[in-house]
Amino acid sequence: MDRKRFIKSLALLPLISRSMNLKDLNKMTSTMSNTGKMPVLFLGHGSPMNAIEENEFVTEFRKLGKELARPNAILCISAHWETKGTFVTAMQNPPTIHDFGGFPQALFDVQYPAKGSPELAQETKSIITKTEVGLDDKWGLDHGAWSVIKHLYPNADIPVIQMSIDYSQPAKYHYELAKEISSLRQKGVLIIGSGNIVHNLRMVAWKKLNEQYAYDWAIEANEKMKSHILSGDHQKLIDFKSQGKAFDLAIPTPEHYLPLLYTLALKEENEKITLFNDKAVGGSLSMTSLKIESE
C-alpha cells in the first residue's frame, strides 16, 4: 500500500468504527423479533407471601400467563426500586432480591433465576430521550417483580429487566416517560407495572389481612380510580394529589401507585382494558390489576 492510500485508509477508520457500532446495535435489537403488539399489565402484587401461597390472586396470575402470547422479554416497573434518576438493570444474571423482613424462611428460599437482557436494557436506554437512563449492574429482581412474574412464567425462561422509579419526579413525568418505551411492545416485550393502587400499610387491619375487607375510604378510592381507568380520564389519575381525602389515604406515598401510570400511558386507541383481581385485603390494600390489549 502506498503512502497516499494508507493515509486515506486511516481517515476512514472512524467511519468504519461508527458503522460497526450501528451494525452491532442493529444485530442486538434484531434478536428481539417483531411480534404482534404485546399487551401491557398492571399487577397488584400485595404481600410478598403471594409468592408462595395459594389463593385466588395467584390463580389469576397463572391463568393470565397461559393466555398471553409468549414474550421475548419482560420489562417490569416495580414499586420497590426507587432511585434518584432512571435506571434499567443490565446484568446477564440478575439476583433474586429478598427486600423484606419478618417472613417465613420459605419465602427467603425462593429464587427466580430468569436471565437478564443487557440488549433490552441498551435498547430501552436508547429510545428514551426524556432523561439519561443509567445501566445498572447492582440491583436485580425485587419482590415487586419476581413474586408475580414467577406465577406468570414459573420456568423462569424469559429474560427480565427492571426499570426504576425516579422518586424525585412528579406523576406527569412518569406518565410521559412511559410513552417513550411503547415501541418495545412491537418487539415482543411484555411491560408490567407492579404495585397496588390502594396501598396504606400504616392503616392495615392486620387481623383481617387474609380477608376481603376494606375501609370505606379504600372502597371509594378504588372505585373512583377504576372509573377513571375505564373512562380513559388519565389526567385525574395523574393529578391524584388533588382528588380528595380518599385518594390521600389510598396513596400516602406514590411508589406503589406510579406503576399504574406507566401502564396506562402505554394504552393506545382501540385498545381495551380488562380488570381482574379486583378485591381489597386488610382494609387498606387493593389487589386490583388490569390488562391492556388490542380489541
Foldseek 3Di string as FASTA:
>chain_A
DDPVVVVVVVVCVVVVVVVVVVVVLVVLLCVLPFDPQFKEKEFALPDLCLLPDDDPRLVVLLVVLVPGDQFQAEEEEFLPFEDAAKEKEQAQWFWEDEPDDDDDVVSVPDTQGATARNSVRVVLQVQFDLGHYHHDHPHGDYSLGCSRVCSSPVVSHHHYMYMYHHQVDALVSLLVRLLSCLVVSRSRYHYYYGAFQFDAVVQFQVVFQVPQAADPLQVVSLVVVVVCLQVVVVVCVSVLVPPDDSSCNRPVDCSRNSSVSSNSSNADPQKHKDWDQQTHTRHGTGRIMIMIDHD
